[in-house]
Amino acid sequence: VLRGMGPRGGPGTVFAASFVAALNGAGL
């Protein structure tokens, strides 16, 4: 769970995309 990273919480939406890519790259 990656949270508090939306438009208001960042503020400005914070990247969760690189973690998802890293997760796939790590085979998980």
mmCIF file of all heavy atoms, coordinates in Angstrom:
data_MODEL
# 
_entry.id   MODEL 
# 
loop_
_atom_site.group_PDB 
_atom_site.id 
_atom_site.type_symbol 
_atom_site.label_atom_id 
_atom_site.label_alt_id 
_atom_site.label_comp_id 
_atom_site.label_asym_id 
_atom_site.label_entity_id 
_atom_site.label_seq_id 
_atom_site.pdbx_PDB_ins_code 
_atom_site.Cartn_x 
_atom_site.Cartn_y 
_atom_site.Cartn_z 
_atom_site.occupancy 
_atom_site.B_iso_or_equiv 
_atom_site.pdbx_formal_charge 
_atom_site.auth_seq_id 
_atom_site.auth_comp_id 
_atom_site.auth_asym_id 
_atom_site.auth_atom_id 
_atom_site.pdbx_PDB_model_num 
ATOM 1   N N   . VAL A 1 1  ? 0.852   -1.189  0.000   1.00 0.00 ? 1  VAL A N   1 
ATOM 2   C CA  . VAL A 1 1  ? 0.000   0.000   0.000   1.00 0.00 ? 1  VAL A CA  1 
ATOM 3   C C   . VAL A 1 1  ? 0.887   1.238   0.000   1.00 0.00 ? 1  VAL A C   1 
ATOM 4   O O   . VAL A 1 1  ? 1.690   1.438   0.910   1.00 0.00 ? 1  VAL A O   1 
ATOM 5   C CB  . VAL A 1 1  ? -0.941  0.015   1.222   1.00 0.00 ? 1  VAL A CB  1 
ATOM 6   C CG1 . VAL A 1 1  ? -1.762  1.306   1.242   1.00 0.00 ? 1  VAL A CG1 1 
ATOM 7   C CG2 . VAL A 1 1  ? -1.845  -1.204  1.211   1.00 0.00 ? 1  VAL A CG2 1 
ATOM 8   N N   . LEU A 1 2  ? 0.770   2.034   -1.038  1.00 0.00 ? 2  LEU A N   1 
ATOM 9   C CA  . LEU A 1 2  ? 1.492   3.305   -1.159  1.00 0.00 ? 2  LEU A CA  1 
ATOM 10  C C   . LEU A 1 2  ? 0.442   4.411   -1.085  1.00 0.00 ? 2  LEU A C   1 
ATOM 11  O O   . LEU A 1 2  ? -0.355  4.567   -2.001  1.00 0.00 ? 2  LEU A O   1 
ATOM 12  C CB  . LEU A 1 2  ? 2.257   3.378   -2.486  1.00 0.00 ? 2  LEU A CB  1 
ATOM 13  C CG  . LEU A 1 2  ? 3.285   2.261   -2.708  1.00 0.00 ? 2  LEU A CG  1 
ATOM 14  C CD1 . LEU A 1 2  ? 3.803   2.305   -4.141  1.00 0.00 ? 2  LEU A CD1 1 
ATOM 15  C CD2 . LEU A 1 2  ? 4.434   2.376   -1.739  1.00 0.00 ? 2  LEU A CD2 1 
ATOM 16  N N   . ARG A 1 3  ? 0.443   5.170   0.001   1.00 0.00 ? 3  ARG A N   1 
ATOM 17  C CA  . ARG A 1 3  ? -0.671  6.077   0.242   1.00 0.00 ? 3  ARG A CA  1 
ATOM 18  C C   . ARG A 1 3  ? -0.201  7.481   0.596   1.00 0.00 ? 3  ARG A C   1 
ATOM 19  O O   . ARG A 1 3  ? 0.982   7.724   0.839   1.00 0.00 ? 3  ARG A O   1 
ATOM 20  C CB  . ARG A 1 3  ? -1.533  5.535   1.387   1.00 0.00 ? 3  ARG A CB  1 
ATOM 21  C CG  . ARG A 1 3  ? -0.830  5.601   2.738   1.00 0.00 ? 3  ARG A CG  1 
ATOM 22  C CD  . ARG A 1 3  ? -1.707  5.097   3.852   1.00 0.00 ? 3  ARG A CD  1 
ATOM 23  N NE  . ARG A 1 3  ? -1.028  5.191   5.134   1.00 0.00 ? 3  ARG A NE  1 
ATOM 24  C CZ  . ARG A 1 3  ? -1.451  4.630   6.259   1.00 0.00 ? 3  ARG A CZ  1 
ATOM 25  N NH1 . ARG A 1 3  ? -2.556  3.907   6.254   1.00 0.00 ? 3  ARG A NH1 1 
ATOM 26  N NH2 . ARG A 1 3  ? -0.775  4.785   7.381   1.00 0.00 ? 3  ARG A NH2 1 
ATOM 27  N N   . GLY A 1 4  ? -1.197  8.398   0.621   1.00 0.00 ? 4  GLY A N   1 
ATOM 28  C CA  . GLY A 1 4  ? -0.886  9.799   0.905   1.00 0.00 ? 4  GLY A CA  1 
ATOM 29  C C   . GLY A 1 4  ? -0.181  10.466  -0.252  1.00 0.00 ? 4  GLY A C   1 
ATOM 30  O O   . GLY A 1 4  ? 0.413   11.524  -0.099  1.00 0.00 ? 4  GLY A O   1 
ATOM 31  N N   . MET A 1 5  ? -0.276  9.858   -1.451  1.00 0.00 ? 5  MET A N   1 
ATOM 32  C CA  . MET A 1 5  ? 0.522   10.272  -2.595  1.00 0.00 ? 5  MET A CA  1 
ATOM 33  C C   . MET A 1 5  ? -0.334  10.818  -3.735  1.00 0.00 ? 5  MET A C   1 
ATOM 34  O O   . MET A 1 5  ? 0.125   10.945  -4.861  1.00 0.00 ? 5  MET A O   1 
ATOM 35  C CB  . MET A 1 5  ? 1.369   9.086   -3.079  1.00 0.00 ? 5  MET A CB  1 
ATOM 36  C CG  . MET A 1 5  ? 2.352   8.609   -2.019  1.00 0.00 ? 5  MET A CG  1 
ATOM 37  S SD  . MET A 1 5  ? 3.003   6.928   -2.271  1.00 0.00 ? 5  MET A SD  1 
ATOM 38  C CE  . MET A 1 5  ? 3.746   7.070   -3.888  1.00 0.00 ? 5  MET A CE  1 
ATOM 39  N N   . GLY A 1 6  ? -1.607  11.135  -3.446  1.00 0.00 ? 6  GLY A N   1 
ATOM 40  C CA  . GLY A 1 6  ? -2.493  11.682  -4.460  1.00 0.00 ? 6  GLY A CA  1 
ATOM 41  C C   . GLY A 1 6  ? -2.248  13.159  -4.699  1.00 0.00 ? 6  GLY A C   1 
ATOM 42  O O   . GLY A 1 6  ? -1.326  13.751  -4.136  1.00 0.00 ? 6  GLY A O   1 
ATOM 43  N N   . PRO A 1 7  ? -3.087  13.784  -5.537  1.00 0.00 ? 7  PRO A N   1 
ATOM 44  C CA  . PRO A 1 7  ? -2.882  15.201  -5.877  1.00 0.00 ? 7  PRO A CA  1 
ATOM 45  C C   . PRO A 1 7  ? -2.810  16.113  -4.659  1.00 0.00 ? 7  PRO A C   1 
ATOM 46  O O   . PRO A 1 7  ? -1.991  17.030  -4.611  1.00 0.00 ? 7  PRO A O   1 
ATOM 47  C CB  . PRO A 1 7  ? -4.097  15.526  -6.745  1.00 0.00 ? 7  PRO A CB  1 
ATOM 48  C CG  . PRO A 1 7  ? -4.499  14.219  -7.336  1.00 0.00 ? 7  PRO A CG  1 
ATOM 49  C CD  . PRO A 1 7  ? -4.212  13.199  -6.286  1.00 0.00 ? 7  PRO A CD  1 
ATOM 50  N N   . ARG A 1 8  ? -3.657  15.870  -3.665  1.00 0.00 ? 8  ARG A N   1 
ATOM 51  C CA  . ARG A 1 8  ? -3.623  16.709  -2.469  1.00 0.00 ? 8  ARG A CA  1 
ATOM 52  C C   . ARG A 1 8  ? -2.547  16.258  -1.490  1.00 0.00 ? 8  ARG A C   1 
ATOM 53  O O   . ARG A 1 8  ? -1.935  17.061  -0.792  1.00 0.00 ? 8  ARG A O   1 
ATOM 54  C CB  . ARG A 1 8  ? -4.985  16.683  -1.776  1.00 0.00 ? 8  ARG A CB  1 
ATOM 55  C CG  . ARG A 1 8  ? -6.076  17.398  -2.566  1.00 0.00 ? 8  ARG A CG  1 
ATOM 56  C CD  . ARG A 1 8  ? -7.400  17.360  -1.830  1.00 0.00 ? 8  ARG A CD  1 
ATOM 57  N NE  . ARG A 1 8  ? -8.406  18.160  -2.514  1.00 0.00 ? 8  ARG A NE  1 
ATOM 58  C CZ  . ARG A 1 8  ? -9.671  18.237  -2.140  1.00 0.00 ? 8  ARG A CZ  1 
ATOM 59  N NH1 . ARG A 1 8  ? -10.093 17.565  -1.080  1.00 0.00 ? 8  ARG A NH1 1 
ATOM 60  N NH2 . ARG A 1 8  ? -10.526 18.975  -2.812  1.00 0.00 ? 8  ARG A NH2 1 
ATOM 61  N N   . GLY A 1 9  ? -2.330  14.965  -1.412  1.00 0.00 ? 9  GLY A N   1 
ATOM 62  C CA  . GLY A 1 9  ? -1.407  14.437  -0.410  1.00 0.00 ? 9  GLY A CA  1 
ATOM 63  C C   . GLY A 1 9  ? 0.042   14.648  -0.716  1.00 0.00 ? 9  GLY A C   1 
ATOM 64  O O   . GLY A 1 9  ? 0.872   14.700  0.198   1.00 0.00 ? 9  GLY A O   1 
ATOM 65  N N   . GLY A 1 10 ? 0.387   14.754  -2.005  1.00 0.00 ? 10 GLY A N   1 
ATOM 66  C CA  . GLY A 1 10 ? 1.795   14.908  -2.379  1.00 0.00 ? 10 GLY A CA  1 
ATOM 67  C C   . GLY A 1 10 ? 2.460   16.137  -1.805  1.00 0.00 ? 10 GLY A C   1 
ATOM 68  O O   . GLY A 1 10 ? 3.472   16.023  -1.124  1.00 0.00 ? 10 GLY A O   1 
ATOM 69  N N   . PRO A 1 11 ? 1.945   17.359  -2.047  1.00 0.00 ? 11 PRO A N   1 
ATOM 70  C CA  . PRO A 1 11 ? 0.925   17.632  -3.063  1.00 0.00 ? 11 PRO A CA  1 
ATOM 71  C C   . PRO A 1 11 ? 1.515   17.480  -4.467  1.00 0.00 ? 11 PRO A C   1 
ATOM 72  O O   . PRO A 1 11 ? 2.728   17.587  -4.642  1.00 0.00 ? 11 PRO A O   1 
ATOM 73  C CB  . PRO A 1 11 ? 0.550   19.083  -2.784  1.00 0.00 ? 11 PRO A CB  1 
ATOM 74  C CG  . PRO A 1 11 ? 1.793   19.689  -2.236  1.00 0.00 ? 11 PRO A CG  1 
ATOM 75  C CD  . PRO A 1 11 ? 2.457   18.600  -1.439  1.00 0.00 ? 11 PRO A CD  1 
ATOM 76  N N   . GLY A 1 12 ? 0.648   17.280  -5.427  1.00 0.00 ? 12 GLY A N   1 
ATOM 77  C CA  . GLY A 1 12 ? 1.115   16.848  -6.723  1.00 0.00 ? 12 GLY A CA  1 
ATOM 78  C C   . GLY A 1 12 ? 1.297   15.345  -6.628  1.00 0.00 ? 12 GLY A C   1 
ATOM 79  O O   . GLY A 1 12 ? 1.939   14.844  -5.697  1.00 0.00 ? 12 GLY A O   1 
ATOM 80  N N   . THR A 1 13 ? 0.694   14.589  -7.502  1.00 0.00 ? 13 THR A N   1 
ATOM 81  C CA  . THR A 1 13 ? 0.687   13.141  -7.359  1.00 0.00 ? 13 THR A CA  1 
ATOM 82  C C   . THR A 1 13 ? 2.109   12.590  -7.355  1.00 0.00 ? 13 THR A C   1 
ATOM 83  O O   . THR A 1 13 ? 2.893   12.853  -8.254  1.00 0.00 ? 13 THR A O   1 
ATOM 84  C CB  . THR A 1 13 ? -0.110  12.502  -8.504  1.00 0.00 ? 13 THR A CB  1 
ATOM 85  O OG1 . THR A 1 13 ? -1.310  13.246  -8.692  1.00 0.00 ? 13 THR A OG1 1 
ATOM 86  C CG2 . THR A 1 13 ? -0.462  11.079  -8.194  1.00 0.00 ? 13 THR A CG2 1 
ATOM 87  N N   . VAL A 1 14 ? 2.433   11.787  -6.318  1.00 0.00 ? 14 VAL A N   1 
ATOM 88  C CA  . VAL A 1 14 ? 3.782   11.250  -6.131  1.00 0.00 ? 14 VAL A CA  1 
ATOM 89  C C   . VAL A 1 14 ? 3.893   9.911   -6.849  1.00 0.00 ? 14 VAL A C   1 
ATOM 90  O O   . VAL A 1 14 ? 2.974   9.096   -6.838  1.00 0.00 ? 14 VAL A O   1 
ATOM 91  C CB  . VAL A 1 14 ? 4.085   11.074  -4.630  1.00 0.00 ? 14 VAL A CB  1 
ATOM 92  C CG1 . VAL A 1 14 ? 5.535   10.634  -4.426  1.00 0.00 ? 14 VAL A CG1 1 
ATOM 93  C CG2 . VAL A 1 14 ? 3.816   12.379  -3.881  1.00 0.00 ? 14 VAL A CG2 1 
ATOM 94  N N   . PHE A 1 15 ? 5.039   9.662   -7.453  1.00 0.00 ? 15 PHE A N   1 
ATOM 95  C CA  . PHE A 1 15 ? 5.256   8.448   -8.228  1.00 0.00 ? 15 PHE A CA  1 
ATOM 96  C C   . PHE A 1 15 ? 5.120   7.194   -7.374  1.00 0.00 ? 15 PHE A C   1 
ATOM 97  O O   . PHE A 1 15 ? 5.752   7.060   -6.324  1.00 0.00 ? 15 PHE A O   1 
ATOM 98  C CB  . PHE A 1 15 ? 6.652   8.482   -8.840  1.00 0.00 ? 15 PHE A CB  1 
ATOM 99  C CG  . PHE A 1 15 ? 6.657   8.448   -10.344 1.00 0.00 ? 15 PHE A CG  1 
ATOM 100 C CD1 . PHE A 1 15 ? 5.564   8.862   -11.077 1.00 0.00 ? 15 PHE A CD1 1 
ATOM 101 C CD2 . PHE A 1 15 ? 7.776   8.002   -11.037 1.00 0.00 ? 15 PHE A CD2 1 
ATOM 102 C CE1 . PHE A 1 15 ? 5.571   8.842   -12.467 1.00 0.00 ? 15 PHE A CE1 1 
ATOM 103 C CE2 . PHE A 1 15 ? 7.800   7.985   -12.418 1.00 0.00 ? 15 PHE A CE2 1 
ATOM 104 C CZ  . PHE A 1 15 ? 6.702   8.396   -13.131 1.00 0.00 ? 15 PHE A CZ  1 
ATOM 105 N N   . ALA A 1 16 ? 4.277   6.275   -7.828  1.00 0.00 ? 16 ALA A N   1 
ATOM 106 C CA  . ALA A 1 16 ? 4.272   4.897   -7.344  1.00 0.00 ? 16 ALA A CA  1 
ATOM 107 C C   . ALA A 1 16 ? 4.690   3.961   -8.471  1.00 0.00 ? 16 ALA A C   1 
ATOM 108 O O   . ALA A 1 16 ? 4.922   2.781   -8.260  1.00 0.00 ? 16 ALA A O   1 
ATOM 109 C CB  . ALA A 1 16 ? 2.885   4.516   -6.843  1.00 0.00 ? 16 ALA A CB  1 
ATOM 110 N N   . ALA A 1 17 ? 4.799   4.533   -9.678  1.00 0.00 ? 17 ALA A N   1 
ATOM 111 C CA  . ALA A 1 17 ? 5.023   3.735   -10.881 1.00 0.00 ? 17 ALA A CA  1 
ATOM 112 C C   . ALA A 1 17 ? 6.375   3.044   -10.890 1.00 0.00 ? 17 ALA A C   1 
ATOM 113 O O   . ALA A 1 17 ? 6.495   1.903   -11.352 1.00 0.00 ? 17 ALA A O   1 
ATOM 114 C CB  . ALA A 1 17 ? 4.888   4.624   -12.117 1.00 0.00 ? 17 ALA A CB  1 
ATOM 115 N N   . SER A 1 18 ? 7.402   3.711   -10.388 1.00 0.00 ? 18 SER A N   1 
ATOM 116 C CA  . SER A 1 18 ? 8.736   3.115   -10.427 1.00 0.00 ? 18 SER A CA  1 
ATOM 117 C C   . SER A 1 18 ? 8.818   1.896   -9.523  1.00 0.00 ? 18 SER A C   1 
ATOM 118 O O   . SER A 1 18 ? 9.524   0.923   -9.824  1.00 0.00 ? 18 SER A O   1 
ATOM 119 C CB  . SER A 1 18 ? 9.790   4.142   -10.023 1.00 0.00 ? 18 SER A CB  1 
ATOM 120 O OG  . SER A 1 18 ? 9.814   5.209   -10.938 1.00 0.00 ? 18 SER A OG  1 
ATOM 121 N N   . PHE A 1 19 ? 8.110   1.933   -8.396  1.00 0.00 ? 19 PHE A N   1 
ATOM 122 C CA  . PHE A 1 19 ? 8.096   0.759   -7.525  1.00 0.00 ? 19 PHE A CA  1 
ATOM 123 C C   . PHE A 1 19 ? 7.428   -0.415  -8.230  1.00 0.00 ? 19 PHE A C   1 
ATOM 124 O O   . PHE A 1 19 ? 7.918   -1.556  -8.154  1.00 0.00 ? 19 PHE A O   1 
ATOM 125 C CB  . PHE A 1 19 ? 7.364   1.050   -6.213  1.00 0.00 ? 19 PHE A CB  1 
ATOM 126 C CG  . PHE A 1 19 ? 7.120   -0.199  -5.416  1.00 0.00 ? 19 PHE A CG  1 
ATOM 127 C CD1 . PHE A 1 19 ? 8.168   -0.831  -4.771  1.00 0.00 ? 19 PHE A CD1 1 
ATOM 128 C CD2 . PHE A 1 19 ? 5.853   -0.775  -5.360  1.00 0.00 ? 19 PHE A CD2 1 
ATOM 129 C CE1 . PHE A 1 19 ? 7.957   -2.021  -4.070  1.00 0.00 ? 19 PHE A CE1 1 
ATOM 130 C CE2 . PHE A 1 19 ? 5.638   -1.943  -4.666  1.00 0.00 ? 19 PHE A CE2 1 
ATOM 131 C CZ  . PHE A 1 19 ? 6.691   -2.575  -4.018  1.00 0.00 ? 19 PHE A CZ  1 
ATOM 132 N N   . VAL A 1 20 ? 6.309   -0.169  -8.904  1.00 0.00 ? 20 VAL A N   1 
ATOM 133 C CA  . VAL A 1 20 ? 5.620   -1.254  -9.605  1.00 0.00 ? 20 VAL A CA  1 
ATOM 134 C C   . VAL A 1 20 ? 6.536   -1.850  -10.671 1.00 0.00 ? 20 VAL A C   1 
ATOM 135 O O   . VAL A 1 20 ? 6.622   -3.077  -10.824 1.00 0.00 ? 20 VAL A O   1 
ATOM 136 C CB  . VAL A 1 20 ? 4.306   -0.758  -10.231 1.00 0.00 ? 20 VAL A CB  1 
ATOM 137 C CG1 . VAL A 1 20 ? 3.627   -1.876  -11.021 1.00 0.00 ? 20 VAL A CG1 1 
ATOM 138 C CG2 . VAL A 1 20 ? 3.364   -0.234  -9.153  1.00 0.00 ? 20 VAL A CG2 1 
ATOM 139 N N   . ALA A 1 21 ? 7.241   -0.991  -11.404 1.00 0.00 ? 21 ALA A N   1 
ATOM 140 C CA  . ALA A 1 21 ? 8.175   -1.476  -12.422 1.00 0.00 ? 21 ALA A CA  1 
ATOM 141 C C   . ALA A 1 21 ? 9.301   -2.285  -11.779 1.00 0.00 ? 21 ALA A C   1 
ATOM 142 O O   . ALA A 1 21 ? 9.701   -3.345  -12.286 1.00 0.00 ? 21 ALA A O   1 
ATOM 143 C CB  . ALA A 1 21 ? 8.744   -0.298  -13.211 1.00 0.00 ? 21 ALA A CB  1 
ATOM 144 N N   . ALA A 1 22 ? 9.824   -1.781  -10.639 1.00 0.00 ? 22 ALA A N   1 
ATOM 145 C CA  . ALA A 1 22 ? 10.898  -2.488  -9.944  1.00 0.00 ? 22 ALA A CA  1 
ATOM 146 C C   . ALA A 1 22 ? 10.421  -3.846  -9.429  1.00 0.00 ? 22 ALA A C   1 
ATOM 147 O O   . ALA A 1 22 ? 11.156  -4.839  -9.453  1.00 0.00 ? 22 ALA A O   1 
ATOM 148 C CB  . ALA A 1 22 ? 11.421  -1.635  -8.795  1.00 0.00 ? 22 ALA A CB  1 
ATOM 149 N N   . LEU A 1 23 ? 9.180   -3.889  -8.965  1.00 0.00 ? 23 LEU A N   1 
ATOM 150 C CA  . LEU A 1 23 ? 8.593   -5.134  -8.477  1.00 0.00 ? 23 LEU A CA  1 
ATOM 151 C C   . LEU A 1 23 ? 8.551   -6.175  -9.594  1.00 0.00 ? 23 LEU A C   1 
ATOM 152 O O   . LEU A 1 23 ? 8.926   -7.339  -9.397  1.00 0.00 ? 23 LEU A O   1 
ATOM 153 C CB  . LEU A 1 23 ? 7.186   -4.844  -7.962  1.00 0.00 ? 23 LEU A CB  1 
ATOM 154 C CG  . LEU A 1 23 ? 6.478   -5.924  -7.132  1.00 0.00 ? 23 LEU A CG  1 
ATOM 155 C CD1 . LEU A 1 23 ? 7.159   -6.070  -5.777  1.00 0.00 ? 23 LEU A CD1 1 
ATOM 156 C CD2 . LEU A 1 23 ? 5.017   -5.547  -6.947  1.00 0.00 ? 23 LEU A CD2 1 
ATOM 157 N N   . ASN A 1 24 ? 8.127   -5.759  -10.778 1.00 0.00 ? 24 ASN A N   1 
ATOM 158 C CA  . ASN A 1 24 ? 8.096   -6.675  -11.910 1.00 0.00 ? 24 ASN A CA  1 
ATOM 159 C C   . ASN A 1 24 ? 9.502   -7.079  -12.331 1.00 0.00 ? 24 ASN A C   1 
ATOM 160 O O   . ASN A 1 24 ? 9.754   -8.238  -12.653 1.00 0.00 ? 24 ASN A O   1 
ATOM 161 C CB  . ASN A 1 24 ? 7.350   -6.034  -13.085 1.00 0.00 ? 24 ASN A CB  1 
ATOM 162 C CG  . ASN A 1 24 ? 5.852   -5.957  -12.850 1.00 0.00 ? 24 ASN A CG  1 
ATOM 163 O OD1 . ASN A 1 24 ? 5.252   -6.889  -12.343 1.00 0.00 ? 24 ASN A OD1 1 
ATOM 164 N ND2 . ASN A 1 24 ? 5.243   -4.841  -13.219 1.00 0.00 ? 24 ASN A ND2 1 
ATOM 165 N N   . GLY A 1 25 ? 10.425  -6.105  -12.298 1.00 0.00 ? 25 GLY A N   1 
ATOM 166 C CA  . GLY A 1 25 ? 11.801  -6.420  -12.654 1.00 0.00 ? 25 GLY A CA  1 
ATOM 167 C C   . GLY A 1 25 ? 12.446  -7.388  -11.697 1.00 0.00 ? 25 GLY A C   1 
ATOM 168 O O   . GLY A 1 25 ? 13.336  -8.158  -12.074 1.00 0.00 ? 25 GLY A O   1 
ATOM 169 N N   . ALA A 1 26 ? 12.006  -7.378  -10.439 1.00 0.00 ? 26 ALA A N   1 
ATOM 170 C CA  . ALA A 1 26 ? 12.543  -8.289  -9.434  1.00 0.00 ? 26 ALA A CA  1 
ATOM 171 C C   . ALA A 1 26 ? 11.872  -9.654  -9.467  1.00 0.00 ? 26 ALA A C   1 
ATOM 172 O O   . ALA A 1 26 ? 12.218  -10.540 -8.673  1.00 0.00 ? 26 ALA A O   1 
ATOM 173 C CB  . ALA A 1 26 ? 12.385  -7.673  -8.046  1.00 0.00 ? 26 ALA A CB  1 
ATOM 174 N N   . GLY A 1 27 ? 10.903  -9.827  -10.371 1.00 0.00 ? 27 GLY A N   1 
ATOM 175 C CA  . GLY A 1 27 ? 10.244  -11.119 -10.508 1.00 0.00 ? 27 GLY A CA  1 
ATOM 176 C C   . GLY A 1 27 ? 9.123   -11.371 -9.529  1.00 0.00 ? 27 GLY A C   1 
ATOM 177 O O   . GLY A 1 27 ? 8.634   -12.502 -9.411  1.00 0.00 ? 27 GLY A O   1 
ATOM 178 N N   . LEU A 1 28 ? 8.656   -10.326 -8.831  1.00 0.00 ? 28 LEU A N   1 
ATOM 179 C CA  . LEU A 1 28 ? 7.583   -10.498 -7.852  1.00 0.00 ? 28 LEU A CA  1 
ATOM 180 C C   . LEU A 1 28 ? 6.234   -9.970  -8.338  1.00 0.00 ? 28 LEU A C   1 
ATOM 181 O O   . LEU A 1 28 ? 5.249   -10.016 -7.596  1.00 0.00 ? 28 LEU A O   1 
ATOM 182 C CB  . LEU A 1 28 ? 7.953   -9.780  -6.542  1.00 0.00 ? 28 LEU A CB  1 
ATOM 183 C CG  . LEU A 1 28 ? 8.959   -10.500 -5.646  1.00 0.00 ? 28 LEU A CG  1 
ATOM 184 C CD1 . LEU A 1 28 ? 9.377   -9.591  -4.496  1.00 0.00 ? 28 LEU A CD1 1 
ATOM 185 C CD2 . LEU A 1 28 ? 8.382   -11.802 -5.115  1.00 0.00 ? 28 LEU A CD2 1 
# 
